[in-house]
C-alpha atoms as a PDB file:
ATOM      1  CA  MET A   1     -80.059  74.353 -27.518  1.00  0.00           C
ATOM      2  CA  SER A   2     -82.506  73.040 -30.169  1.00  0.00           C
ATOM      3  CA  ARG A   3     -79.611  72.059 -32.435  1.00  0.00           C
ATOM      4  CA  ASP A   4     -78.939  69.388 -29.827  1.00  0.00           C
ATOM      5  CA  HIS A   5     -82.561  68.247 -30.075  1.00  0.00           C
ATOM      6  CA  VAL A   6     -82.844  68.129 -33.906  1.00  0.00           C
ATOM      7  CA  SER A   7     -79.619  68.454 -35.856  1.00  0.00           C
ATOM      8  CA  HIS A   8     -78.431  68.121 -39.428  1.00  0.00           C
ATOM      9  CA  ALA A   9     -77.628  64.478 -38.638  1.00  0.00           C
ATOM     10  CA  ASP A  10     -81.220  63.893 -37.494  1.00  0.00           C
ATOM     11  CA  LEU A  11     -82.514  65.205 -40.811  1.00  0.00           C
ATOM     12  CA  VAL A  12     -80.073  62.920 -42.620  1.00  0.00           C
ATOM     13  CA  ARG A  13     -81.457  59.922 -40.714  1.00  0.00           C
ATOM     14  CA  PHE A  14     -85.059  60.969 -41.375  1.00  0.00           C
ATOM     15  CA  ALA A  15     -84.280  61.354 -45.082  1.00  0.00           C
ATOM     16  CA  ASP A  16     -82.770  57.892 -45.216  1.00  0.00           C
ATOM     17  CA  GLU A  17     -85.755  56.332 -43.445  1.00  0.00           C
ATOM     18  CA  ARG A  18     -88.689  58.276 -44.888  1.00  0.00           C
ATOM     19  CA  VAL A  19     -87.773  60.589 -47.756  1.00  0.00           C
ATOM     20  CA  ASN A  20     -85.212  59.059 -50.085  1.00  0.00           C
ATOM     21  CA  LEU A  21     -85.629  56.246 -52.557  1.00  0.00           C
ATOM     22  CA  LYS A  22     -83.215  53.498 -51.507  1.00  0.00           C
ATOM     23  CA  ARG A  23     -80.248  52.983 -53.804  1.00  0.00           C
ATOM     24  CA  ASP A  24     -81.100  49.333 -54.484  1.00  0.00           C
ATOM     25  CA  ASP A  25     -84.709  50.236 -55.282  1.00  0.00           C
ATOM     26  CA  ALA A  26     -83.536  53.003 -57.615  1.00  0.00           C
ATOM     27  CA  SER A  27     -81.225  50.545 -59.370  1.00  0.00           C
ATOM     28  CA  ASP A  28     -84.092  48.086 -59.848  1.00  0.00           C
ATOM     29  CA  LEU A  29     -86.328  50.799 -61.308  1.00  0.00           C
ATOM     30  CA  ARG A  30     -83.611  52.021 -63.643  1.00  0.00           C
ATOM     31  CA  ALA A  31     -82.986  48.469 -64.761  1.00  0.00           C
ATOM     32  CA  GLN A  32     -86.647  48.083 -65.771  1.00  0.00           C
ATOM     33  CA  ALA A  33     -86.500  51.255 -67.855  1.00  0.00           C
ATOM     34  CA  ASN A  34     -83.218  50.143 -69.382  1.00  0.00           C
ATOM     35  CA  ARG A  35     -84.722  46.794 -70.370  1.00  0.00           C
ATOM     36  CA  LEU A  36     -87.347  48.640 -72.387  1.00  0.00           C
ATOM     37  CA  ARG A  37     -84.667  50.795 -73.973  1.00  0.00           C
ATOM     38  CA  ASP A  38     -82.546  47.749 -74.830  1.00  0.00           C
ATOM     39  CA  ARG A  39     -85.533  45.974 -76.377  1.00  0.00           C
ATOM     40  CA  LEU A  40     -86.262  49.007 -78.530  1.00  0.00           C
ATOM     41  CA  GLU A  41     -82.622  49.267 -79.630  1.00  0.00           C
ATOM     42  CA  THR A  42     -82.636  45.574 -80.569  1.00  0.00           C
ATOM     43  CA  TYR A  43     -85.794  46.147 -82.605  1.00  0.00           C
ATOM     44  CA  LEU A  44     -84.274  49.240 -84.263  1.00  0.00           C
ATOM     45  CA  ALA A  45     -81.209  47.248 -85.292  1.00  0.00           C
ATOM     46  CA  ASP A  46     -83.513  45.062 -87.411  1.00  0.00           C
ATOM     47  CA  HIS A  47     -85.907  47.882 -88.393  1.00  0.00           C
ATOM     48  CA  PRO A  48     -83.764  51.025 -88.918  1.00  0.00           C
ATOM     49  CA  ASP A  49     -86.662  52.947 -90.501  1.00  0.00           C
ATOM     50  CA  PHE A  50     -88.941  52.442 -87.485  1.00  0.00           C
ATOM     51  CA  ALA A  51     -90.394  55.765 -86.290  1.00  0.00           C
ATOM     52  CA  LEU A  52     -89.310  55.394 -82.649  1.00  0.00           C
ATOM     53  CA  ARG A  53     -85.728  56.647 -82.464  1.00  0.00           C
ATOM     54  CA  LYS A  54     -84.574  56.407 -78.842  1.00  0.00           C
ATOM     55  CA  MET A  55     -85.738  56.024 -75.225  1.00  0.00           C
ATOM     56  CA  MET A  56     -84.059  57.962 -72.424  1.00  0.00           C
ATOM     57  CA  LEU A  57     -84.657  57.752 -68.697  1.00  0.00           C
ATOM     58  CA  SER A  58     -85.814  61.162 -67.472  1.00  0.00           C
ATOM     59  CA  GLY A  59     -87.545  62.709 -64.469  1.00  0.00           C
ATOM     60  CA  SER A  60     -86.573  62.354 -60.817  1.00  0.00           C
ATOM     61  CA  LEU A  61     -85.143  58.855 -61.156  1.00  0.00           C
ATOM     62  CA  ALA A  62     -82.656  60.006 -63.795  1.00  0.00           C
ATOM     63  CA  LYS A  63     -81.833  63.180 -61.830  1.00  0.00           C
ATOM     64  CA  GLY A  64     -81.327  61.391 -58.513  1.00  0.00           C
ATOM     65  CA  THR A  65     -84.076  63.388 -56.789  1.00  0.00           C
ATOM     66  CA  ALA A  66     -86.688  60.628 -56.513  1.00  0.00           C
ATOM     67  CA  LEU A  67     -88.671  60.202 -53.306  1.00  0.00           C
ATOM     68  CA  LYS A  68     -89.284  56.906 -51.539  1.00  0.00           C
ATOM     69  CA  SER A  69     -92.916  57.171 -52.672  1.00  0.00           C
ATOM     70  CA  ILE A  70     -92.067  57.212 -56.404  1.00  0.00           C
ATOM     71  CA  SER A  71     -94.762  55.450 -58.431  1.00  0.00           C
ATOM     72  CA  ASP A  72     -93.886  55.976 -62.102  1.00  0.00           C
ATOM     73  CA  ILE A  73     -90.608  55.675 -63.990  1.00  0.00           C
ATOM     74  CA  ASP A  74     -90.406  58.586 -66.445  1.00  0.00           C
ATOM     75  CA  VAL A  75     -88.947  57.923 -69.888  1.00  0.00           C
ATOM     76  CA  GLY A  76     -88.707  60.259 -72.855  1.00  0.00           C
ATOM     77  CA  CYS A  77     -89.316  58.534 -76.196  1.00  0.00           C
ATOM     78  CA  TYR A  78     -87.970  60.365 -79.236  1.00  0.00           C
ATOM     79  CA  VAL A  79     -90.163  59.797 -82.284  1.00  0.00           C
ATOM     80  CA  SER A  80     -89.665  60.885 -85.894  1.00  0.00           C
ATOM     81  CA  SER A  81     -91.473  64.184 -86.271  1.00  0.00           C
ATOM     82  CA  ASP A  82     -92.047  63.694 -89.999  1.00  0.00           C
ATOM     83  CA  THR A  83     -94.281  60.660 -89.438  1.00  0.00           C
ATOM     84  CA  ALA A  84     -95.838  61.191 -86.000  1.00  0.00           C
ATOM     85  CA  PRO A  85     -99.131  63.089 -85.542  1.00  0.00           C
ATOM     86  CA  GLU A  86     -98.979  66.377 -83.639  1.00  0.00           C
ATOM     87  CA  LYS A  87    -102.325  66.387 -81.832  1.00  0.00           C
ATOM     88  CA  ILE A  88    -101.592  64.990 -78.381  1.00  0.00           C
ATOM     89  CA  SER A  89    -104.448  62.448 -78.284  1.00  0.00           C
ATOM     90  CA  ASP A  90    -103.506  61.136 -81.733  1.00  0.00           C
ATOM     91  CA  LEU A  91     -99.812  61.131 -80.811  1.00  0.00           C
ATOM     92  CA  VAL A  92    -100.409  59.067 -77.663  1.00  0.00           C
ATOM     93  CA  ASP A  93    -102.500  56.506 -79.578  1.00  0.00           C
ATOM     94  CA  TRP A  94     -99.887  56.386 -82.351  1.00  0.00           C
ATOM     95  CA  LEU A  95     -97.076  55.841 -79.824  1.00  0.00           C
ATOM     96  CA  ALA A  96     -99.029  53.075 -78.069  1.00  0.00           C
ATOM     97  CA  LYS A  97     -99.459  51.233 -81.378  1.00  0.00           C
ATOM     98  CA  LYS A  98     -95.755  51.612 -82.141  1.00  0.00           C
ATOM     99  CA  LEU A  99     -94.854  50.208 -78.728  1.00  0.00           C
ATOM    100  CA  GLU A 100     -97.215  47.273 -79.287  1.00  0.00           C
ATOM    101  CA  THR A 101     -95.340  46.568 -82.517  1.00  0.00           C
ATOM    102  CA  ALA A 102     -91.876  46.929 -80.991  1.00  0.00           C
ATOM    103  CA  PHE A 103     -92.759  44.860 -77.898  1.00  0.00           C
ATOM    104  CA  PRO A 104     -94.988  42.045 -79.216  1.00  0.00           C
ATOM    105  CA  ASN A 105     -94.540  39.953 -76.058  1.00  0.00           C
ATOM    106  CA  PHE A 106     -96.383  42.525 -73.949  1.00  0.00           C
ATOM    107  CA  LYS A 107    -100.035  41.835 -73.252  1.00  0.00           C
ATOM    108  CA  PRO A 108    -102.512  44.480 -74.475  1.00  0.00           C
ATOM    109  CA  GLU A 109    -103.398  45.503 -70.916  1.00  0.00           C
ATOM    110  CA  GLN A 110     -99.727  46.242 -70.179  1.00  0.00           C
ATOM    111  CA  ILE A 111     -99.699  49.187 -72.608  1.00  0.00           C
ATOM    112  CA  LYS A 112    -102.083  51.889 -71.439  1.00  0.00           C
ATOM    113  CA  ARG A 113    -102.945  55.147 -73.188  1.00  0.00           C
ATOM    114  CA  LYS A 114    -102.913  58.192 -70.893  1.00  0.00           C
ATOM    115  CA  THR A 115    -103.613  61.893 -71.372  1.00  0.00           C
ATOM    116  CA  TYR A 116    -100.166  62.790 -72.685  1.00  0.00           C
ATOM    117  CA  SER A 117     -98.114  59.610 -72.310  1.00  0.00           C
ATOM    118  CA  VAL A 118     -98.233  55.836 -72.588  1.00  0.00           C
ATOM    119  CA  GLY A 119     -97.907  53.667 -69.483  1.00  0.00           C
ATOM    120  CA  VAL A 120     -96.115  50.342 -69.803  1.00  0.00           C
ATOM    121  CA  ASN A 121     -96.747  48.075 -66.832  1.00  0.00           C
ATOM    122  CA  PHE A 122     -94.356  45.357 -65.671  1.00  0.00           C
ATOM    123  CA  ILE A 123     -96.544  42.533 -64.405  1.00  0.00           C
ATOM    124  CA  SER A 124     -93.739  40.940 -62.368  1.00  0.00           C
ATOM    125  CA  THR A 125     -93.195  44.045 -60.208  1.00  0.00           C
ATOM    126  CA  GLY A 126     -96.313  46.154 -60.706  1.00  0.00           C
ATOM    127  CA  ASN A 127     -94.140  49.136 -61.616  1.00  0.00           C
ATOM    128  CA  GLU A 128     -95.137  51.374 -64.494  1.00  0.00           C
ATOM    129  CA  VAL A 129     -92.909  53.124 -67.006  1.00  0.00           C
ATOM    130  CA  ASP A 130     -94.480  56.403 -68.111  1.00  0.00           C
ATOM    131  CA  ILE A 131     -93.374  57.030 -71.706  1.00  0.00           C
ATOM    132  CA  VAL A 132     -93.682  60.604 -72.973  1.00  0.00           C
ATOM    133  CA  PRO A 133     -93.376  61.195 -76.738  1.00  0.00           C
ATOM    134  CA  ILE A 134     -90.897  63.811 -77.961  1.00  0.00           C
ATOM    135  CA  LEU A 135     -91.101  64.867 -81.609  1.00  0.00           C
ATOM    136  CA  TYR A 136     -87.573  64.600 -82.991  1.00  0.00           C
ATOM    137  CA  ALA A 137     -85.994  65.828 -86.230  1.00  0.00           C
ATOM    138  CA  GLY A 138     -82.369  64.752 -85.771  1.00  0.00           C
ATOM    139  CA  ASP A 139     -80.841  67.421 -83.492  1.00  0.00           C
ATOM    140  CA  PRO A 140     -77.428  66.205 -82.204  1.00  0.00           C
ATOM    141  CA  GLN A 141     -78.182  67.404 -78.653  1.00  0.00           C
ATOM    142  CA  TRP A 142     -81.502  65.583 -78.741  1.00  0.00           C
ATOM    143  CA  ARG A 143     -83.607  68.711 -78.780  1.00  0.00           C
ATOM    144  CA  GLY A 144     -87.177  67.831 -79.644  1.00  0.00           C
ATOM    145  CA  ASP A 145     -90.720  69.014 -79.053  1.00  0.00           C
ATOM    146  CA  LEU A 146     -93.072  67.996 -76.294  1.00  0.00           C
ATOM    147  CA  VAL A 147     -96.745  68.587 -76.986  1.00  0.00           C
ATOM    148  CA  SER A 148     -98.220  70.412 -74.000  1.00  0.00           C
ATOM    149  CA  GLN A 149    -100.974  68.478 -72.233  1.00  0.00           C
ATOM    150  CA  ASP A 150    -102.501  71.802 -71.185  1.00  0.00           C
ATOM    151  CA  THR A 151    -102.440  73.904 -74.346  1.00  0.00           C
ATOM    152  CA  GLY A 152    -101.445  71.616 -77.217  1.00  0.00           C
ATOM    153  CA  GLU A 153     -98.455  73.862 -77.933  1.00  0.00           C
ATOM    154  CA  LYS A 154     -95.063  72.469 -78.873  1.00  0.00           C
ATOM    155  CA  LEU A 155     -92.373  72.955 -76.228  1.00  0.00           C
ATOM    156  CA  MET A 156     -88.746  72.389 -77.136  1.00  0.00           C
ATOM    157  CA  THR A 157     -86.927  70.141 -74.691  1.00  0.00           C
ATOM    158  CA  SER A 158     -83.853  67.946 -74.421  1.00  0.00           C
ATOM    159  CA  VAL A 159     -83.544  65.114 -71.916  1.00  0.00           C
ATOM    160  CA  PRO A 160     -79.699  65.021 -72.014  1.00  0.00           C
ATOM    161  CA  MET A 161     -79.426  68.807 -71.613  1.00  0.00           C
ATOM    162  CA  HIS A 162     -81.816  68.805 -68.633  1.00  0.00           C
ATOM    163  CA  LEU A 163     -79.883  65.982 -66.981  1.00  0.00           C
ATOM    164  CA  ASP A 164     -76.606  67.793 -67.593  1.00  0.00           C
ATOM    165  CA  PHE A 165     -78.046  70.953 -66.005  1.00  0.00           C
ATOM    166  CA  ILE A 166     -78.904  69.046 -62.812  1.00  0.00           C
ATOM    167  CA  ARG A 167     -75.622  67.105 -62.894  1.00  0.00           C
ATOM    168  CA  LYS A 168     -73.652  70.385 -62.819  1.00  0.00           C
ATOM    169  CA  ARG A 169     -75.470  71.498 -59.637  1.00  0.00           C
ATOM    170  CA  LYS A 170     -75.001  68.100 -58.029  1.00  0.00           C
ATOM    171  CA  ASN A 171     -71.302  68.135 -58.837  1.00  0.00           C
ATOM    172  CA  ALA A 172     -70.944  71.630 -57.368  1.00  0.00           C
ATOM    173  CA  ASN A 173     -72.825  70.755 -54.169  1.00  0.00           C
ATOM    174  CA  ASP A 174     -71.960  67.099 -53.599  1.00  0.00           C
ATOM    175  CA  LYS A 175     -74.989  65.082 -52.405  1.00  0.00           C
ATOM    176  CA  HIS A 176     -76.576  68.100 -50.761  1.00  0.00           C
ATOM    177  CA  PHE A 177     -78.282  69.610 -53.810  1.00  0.00           C
ATOM    178  CA  ALA A 178     -80.322  66.479 -54.477  1.00  0.00           C
ATOM    179  CA  GLN A 179     -81.119  66.044 -50.777  1.00  0.00           C
ATOM    180  CA  VAL A 180     -82.445  69.580 -50.289  1.00  0.00           C
ATOM    181  CA  VAL A 181     -84.566  69.127 -53.412  1.00  0.00           C
ATOM    182  CA  ARG A 182     -85.942  65.866 -52.025  1.00  0.00           C
ATOM    183  CA  PHE A 183     -86.785  67.512 -48.686  1.00  0.00           C
ATOM    184  CA  MET A 184     -88.647  70.286 -50.505  1.00  0.00           C
ATOM    185  CA  LYS A 185     -90.521  67.805 -52.696  1.00  0.00           C
ATOM    186  CA  PHE A 186     -91.459  65.730 -49.638  1.00  0.00           C
ATOM    187  CA  TRP A 187     -92.829  68.858 -47.922  1.00  0.00           C
ATOM    188  CA  SER A 188     -94.777  69.849 -51.044  1.00  0.00           C
ATOM    189  CA  GLN A 189     -96.214  66.356 -51.412  1.00  0.00           C
ATOM    190  CA  LEU A 190     -97.532  66.429 -47.832  1.00  0.00           C
ATOM    191  CA  ILE A 191     -99.315  69.728 -48.465  1.00  0.00           C
ATOM    192  CA  LYS A 192    -100.859  68.379 -51.674  1.00  0.00           C
ATOM    193  CA  GLN A 193    -102.292  65.484 -49.681  1.00  0.00           C
ATOM    194  CA  GLN A 194    -104.001  67.997 -47.389  1.00  0.00           C
ATOM    195  CA  ASP A 195    -105.038  70.496 -50.081  1.00  0.00           C
ATOM    196  CA  GLU A 196    -105.873  69.229 -53.574  1.00  0.00           C
ATOM    197  CA  SER A 197    -105.702  72.759 -54.968  1.00  0.00           C
ATOM    198  CA  PHE A 198    -102.072  73.226 -53.893  1.00  0.00           C
ATOM    199  CA  ARG A 199     -99.703  73.182 -56.879  1.00  0.00           C
ATOM    200  CA  PHE A 200     -95.931  73.214 -56.807  1.00  0.00           C
ATOM    201  CA  LYS A 201     -94.179  71.300 -59.592  1.00  0.00           C
ATOM    202  CA  SER A 202     -91.114  69.284 -58.681  1.00  0.00           C
ATOM    203  CA  PHE A 203     -89.352  70.900 -61.655  1.00  0.00           C
ATOM    204  CA  MET A 204     -90.014  74.348 -60.175  1.00  0.00           C
ATOM    205  CA  ILE A 205     -88.581  73.218 -56.838  1.00  0.00           C
ATOM    206  CA  GLU A 206     -85.429  71.939 -58.557  1.00  0.00           C
ATOM    207  CA  LEU A 207     -84.964  75.235 -60.382  1.00  0.00           C
ATOM    208  CA  ILE A 208     -85.482  77.380 -57.262  1.00  0.00           C
ATOM    209  CA  VAL A 209     -82.894  75.351 -55.335  1.00  0.00           C
ATOM    210  CA  ALA A 210     -80.541  75.512 -58.344  1.00  0.00           C
ATOM    211  CA  TYR A 211     -80.984  79.285 -58.570  1.00  0.00           C
ATOM    212  CA  LEU A 212     -80.124  79.737 -54.890  1.00  0.00           C
ATOM    213  CA  ALA A 213     -77.222  77.276 -55.014  1.00  0.00           C
ATOM    214  CA  ASP A 214     -75.763  79.128 -58.007  1.00  0.00           C
ATOM    215  CA  ARG A 215     -75.823  82.294 -55.879  1.00  0.00           C
ATOM    216  CA  GLY A 216     -73.921  80.793 -53.003  1.00  0.00           C
ATOM    217  CA  LEU A 217     -76.543  79.200 -50.761  1.00  0.00           C
ATOM    218  CA  VAL A 218     -74.739  76.634 -48.614  1.00  0.00           C
ATOM    219  CA  LEU A 219     -76.708  73.395 -48.827  1.00  0.00           C
ATOM    220  CA  SER A 220     -74.553  71.210 -46.555  1.00  0.00           C
ATOM    221  CA  ASP A 221     -76.400  72.181 -43.352  1.00  0.00           C
ATOM    222  CA  TYR A 222     -79.982  71.051 -43.902  1.00  0.00           C
ATOM    223  CA  PRO A 223     -81.834  72.989 -41.185  1.00  0.00           C
ATOM    224  CA  SER A 224     -80.165  76.198 -42.329  1.00  0.00           C
ATOM    225  CA  ALA A 225     -80.511  75.488 -46.062  1.00  0.00           C
ATOM    226  CA  LEU A 226     -84.199  74.602 -45.811  1.00  0.00           C
ATOM    227  CA  GLY A 227     -84.894  77.677 -43.717  1.00  0.00           C
ATOM    228  CA  LYS A 228     -83.248  79.873 -46.350  1.00  0.00           C
ATOM    229  CA  VAL A 229     -85.098  78.249 -49.267  1.00  0.00           C
ATOM    230  CA  PHE A 230     -88.424  78.782 -47.511  1.00  0.00           C
ATOM    231  CA  ALA A 231     -87.413  82.348 -46.587  1.00  0.00           C
ATOM    232  CA  PHE A 232     -86.538  83.130 -50.213  1.00  0.00           C
ATOM    233  CA  ILE A 233     -89.922  81.917 -51.468  1.00  0.00           C
ATOM    234  CA  ALA A 234     -91.841  83.709 -48.718  1.00  0.00           C
ATOM    235  CA  ASN A 235     -89.952  87.005 -48.896  1.00  0.00           C
ATOM    236  CA  ASP A 236     -89.443  87.171 -52.648  1.00  0.00           C
ATOM    237  CA  ASP A 237     -93.122  86.428 -53.402  1.00  0.00           C
ATOM    238  CA  PHE A 238     -91.966  85.139 -56.820  1.00  0.00           C
ATOM    239  CA  GLU A 239     -90.998  88.643 -57.912  1.00  0.00           C
ATOM    240  CA  THR A 240     -87.608  87.378 -59.092  1.00  0.00           C
ATOM    241  CA  VAL A 241     -87.419  86.035 -62.629  1.00  0.00           C
ATOM    242  CA  ILE A 242     -85.565  82.725 -62.377  1.00  0.00           C
ATOM    243  CA  ALA A 243     -83.545  81.813 -65.457  1.00  0.00           C
ATOM    244  CA  PHE A 244     -80.140  80.286 -66.183  1.00  0.00           C
ATOM    245  CA  ALA A 245     -77.258  80.983 -68.543  1.00  0.00           C
ATOM    246  CA  ASP A 246     -76.248  77.373 -69.221  1.00  0.00           C
ATOM    247  CA  TYR A 247     -77.753  77.249 -72.710  1.00  0.00           C
ATOM    248  CA  TYR A 248     -78.972  80.761 -73.516  1.00  0.00           C
ATOM    249  CA  ASP A 249     -78.777  84.404 -72.435  1.00  0.00           C
ATOM    250  CA  PRO A 250     -81.405  84.877 -69.673  1.00  0.00           C
ATOM    251  CA  THR A 251     -82.186  88.365 -71.000  1.00  0.00           C
ATOM    252  CA  THR A 252     -83.697  86.713 -74.080  1.00  0.00           C
ATOM    253  CA  CYS A 253     -86.536  85.142 -72.080  1.00  0.00           C
ATOM    254  CA  VAL A 254     -89.875  86.382 -73.365  1.00  0.00           C
ATOM    255  CA  ALA A 255     -91.375  89.197 -71.290  1.00  0.00           C
ATOM    256  CA  THR A 256     -94.525  88.074 -69.492  1.00  0.00           C
ATOM    257  CA  GLY A 257     -96.858  89.322 -66.806  1.00  0.00           C
ATOM    258  CA  ALA A 258     -97.393  85.826 -65.400  1.00  0.00           C
ATOM    259  CA  PRO A 259     -97.519  85.736 -61.563  1.00  0.00           C
ATOM    260  CA  VAL A 260     -94.627  83.250 -61.487  1.00  0.00           C
ATOM    261  CA  ARG A 261     -91.726  83.318 -63.944  1.00  0.00           C
ATOM    262  CA  ILE A 262     -89.425  80.315 -63.754  1.00  0.00           C
ATOM    263  CA  TRP A 263     -87.804  79.533 -67.068  1.00  0.00           C
ATOM    264  CA  ASP A 264     -86.889  76.144 -68.463  1.00  0.00           C
ATOM    265  CA  PRO A 265     -83.067  76.088 -68.447  1.00  0.00           C
ATOM    266  CA  VAL A 266     -82.931  74.658 -71.981  1.00  0.00           C
ATOM    267  CA  ASN A 267     -85.765  76.701 -73.538  1.00  0.00           C
ATOM    268  CA  ASN A 268     -86.011  80.475 -73.149  1.00  0.00           C
ATOM    269  CA  LYS A 269     -89.561  80.409 -74.518  1.00  0.00           C
ATOM    270  CA  ASN A 270     -90.940  78.070 -71.871  1.00  0.00           C
ATOM    271  CA  ASN A 271     -92.029  79.538 -68.552  1.00  0.00           C
ATOM    272  CA  VAL A 272     -92.576  76.275 -66.686  1.00  0.00           C
ATOM    273  CA  SER A 273     -94.923  78.100 -64.291  1.00  0.00           C
ATOM    274  CA  ALA A 274     -96.910  79.898 -66.991  1.00  0.00           C
ATOM    275  CA  LEU A 275    -100.235  78.370 -65.948  1.00  0.00           C
ATOM    276  CA  TYR A 276     -99.890  79.261 -62.261  1.00  0.00           C
ATOM    277  CA  THR A 277    -102.517  81.755 -61.155  1.00  0.00           C
ATOM    278  CA  GLN A 278    -102.204  84.435 -58.503  1.00  0.00           C
ATOM    279  CA  GLN A 279    -104.038  82.094 -56.126  1.00  0.00           C
ATOM    280  CA  ASN A 280    -101.611  79.254 -56.907  1.00  0.00           C
ATOM    281  CA  LYS A 281     -98.707  81.575 -56.186  1.00  0.00           C
ATOM    282  CA  GLU A 282    -100.172  82.830 -52.926  1.00  0.00           C
ATOM    283  CA  LYS A 283    -100.719  79.297 -51.641  1.00  0.00           C
ATOM    284  CA  VAL A 284     -97.068  78.373 -52.242  1.00  0.00           C
ATOM    285  CA  VAL A 285     -95.842  81.594 -50.623  1.00  0.00           C
ATOM    286  CA  GLU A 286     -98.104  81.096 -47.597  1.00  0.00           C
ATOM    287  CA  ALA A 287     -97.013  77.481 -47.189  1.00  0.00           C
ATOM    288  CA  ALA A 288     -93.345  78.506 -47.431  1.00  0.00           C
ATOM    289  CA  LEU A 289     -93.923  81.247 -44.843  1.00  0.00           C
ATOM    290  CA  ASP A 290     -95.474  78.724 -42.440  1.00  0.00           C
ATOM    291  CA  ALA A 291     -92.622  76.261 -42.993  1.00  0.00           C
ATOM    292  CA  GLY A 292     -89.987  78.934 -42.493  1.00  0.00           C
ATOM    293  CA  ASP A 293     -91.671  80.091 -39.291  1.00  0.00           C
ATOM    294  CA  ALA A 294     -91.723  76.480 -38.064  1.00  0.00           C
ATOM    295  CA  ILE A 295     -87.978  76.106 -38.656  1.00  0.00           C
ATOM    296  CA  ASP A 296     -87.250  79.400 -36.889  1.00  0.00           C
ATOM    297  CA  SER A 297     -89.378  78.268 -33.954  1.00  0.00           C
ATOM    298  CA  ALA A 298     -87.704  74.850 -33.907  1.00  0.00           C
ATOM    299  CA  LEU A 299     -84.283  76.479 -33.729  1.00  0.00           C
ATOM    300  CA  ARG A 300     -85.407  78.574 -30.751  1.00  0.00           C
ATOM    301  CA  ALA A 301     -87.317  75.832 -28.918  1.00  0.00           C
ATOM    302  CA  ILE A 302     -86.173  74.851 -25.434  1.00  0.00           C
ATOM    303  CA  THR A 303     -87.306  71.218 -25.190  1.00  0.00           C
ATOM    304  CA  LYS A 304     -86.803  68.275 -27.491  1.00  0.00           C
ATOM    305  CA  GLY A 305     -90.558  67.589 -27.686  1.00  0.00           C
ATOM    306  CA  GLU A 306     -91.295  71.165 -28.704  1.00  0.00           C
ATOM    307  CA  THR A 307     -88.527  71.116 -31.314  1.00  0.00           C
ATOM    308  CA  VAL A 308     -89.811  67.877 -32.843  1.00  0.00           C
ATOM    309  CA  ARG A 309     -93.381  69.226 -32.994  1.00  0.00           C
ATOM    310  CA  TYR A 310     -92.207  72.214 -35.050  1.00  0.00           C
ATOM    311  CA  TRP A 311     -90.357  69.968 -37.491  1.00  0.00           C
ATOM    312  CA  GLN A 312     -93.495  67.826 -37.761  1.00  0.00           C
ATOM    313  CA  LYS A 313     -95.301  70.909 -39.069  1.00  0.00           C
ATOM    314  CA  ILE A 314     -92.982  70.636 -42.080  1.00  0.00           C
ATOM    315  CA  PHE A 315     -92.417  66.905 -42.484  1.00  0.00           C
ATOM    316  CA  GLY A 316     -95.552  65.427 -40.943  1.00  0.00           C
ATOM    317  CA  PRO A 317     -96.178  63.151 -37.968  1.00  0.00           C
ATOM    318  CA  THR A 318     -93.677  60.508 -39.083  1.00  0.00           C
ATOM    319  CA  PHE A 319     -90.825  62.872 -38.299  1.00  0.00           C
ATOM    320  CA  ASN A 320     -89.038  61.913 -35.083  1.00  0.00           C
ATOM    321  CA  VAL A 321     -85.565  61.644 -33.624  1.00  0.00           C
END
């Protein structure tokens, strides 16, 4: 009965209205990032020895998993590792100065130093491009090193390899992989607004959904898929080690007693959840248990009003049909 009250199609409509970044808005944001990239490439053509090597759109906008509420445009900036400083505060200041040189028409207040990145603000739109430095030594697959904002350690990464990893899951699951990820991110964002201590990285959400999709989870029915993602998190209690064989043998991941073990698909030495405490883990598991219970109750509810109220426990008061 409750499938008649709130169906897959209702979730699709809610996503279009409240969750997803509109295609035209995404195109505008990508265009702003691309303008920066094009300016840098023009500068590099005249200054081939300049220490900034390449800019690449990264993050949720590049992956197609951005929410309607997106605020920053994430860009990876590959910089020559033989000239750039390695201490993160020095690296950020160094990158800001390089950007000021490459983009002389920008006003000083448009280029802002952050904790581990440089923000470039477009005055005409108010949007900000968040530029993260990646130390680069010429790898053909654009492997380079991030400097951890938390520990100062170097973490190997590759923007193209990460995007290819997500692209494979999107191709295997049509539009549904990205949509289930966006639903999960929207849910997580609502909880963070209510509880500042709640932590659940978007990257971790992407990898959990990818792990389940790789093992046959059907994502094309959203009420069912969401219920099963929440059930996996709640029942598994993060006992499962999540890793992928796209770029390395998962058995080579470093053994660790961390409460949560979700491995970067391009780096078998990087547990992306390494800093999550037992308390962090328990909060995610409890929230997933509550969300899963709400979906189960919604699917058993008799009236439309009751069904909607259960879905609002997951997606907030703006959810309606």
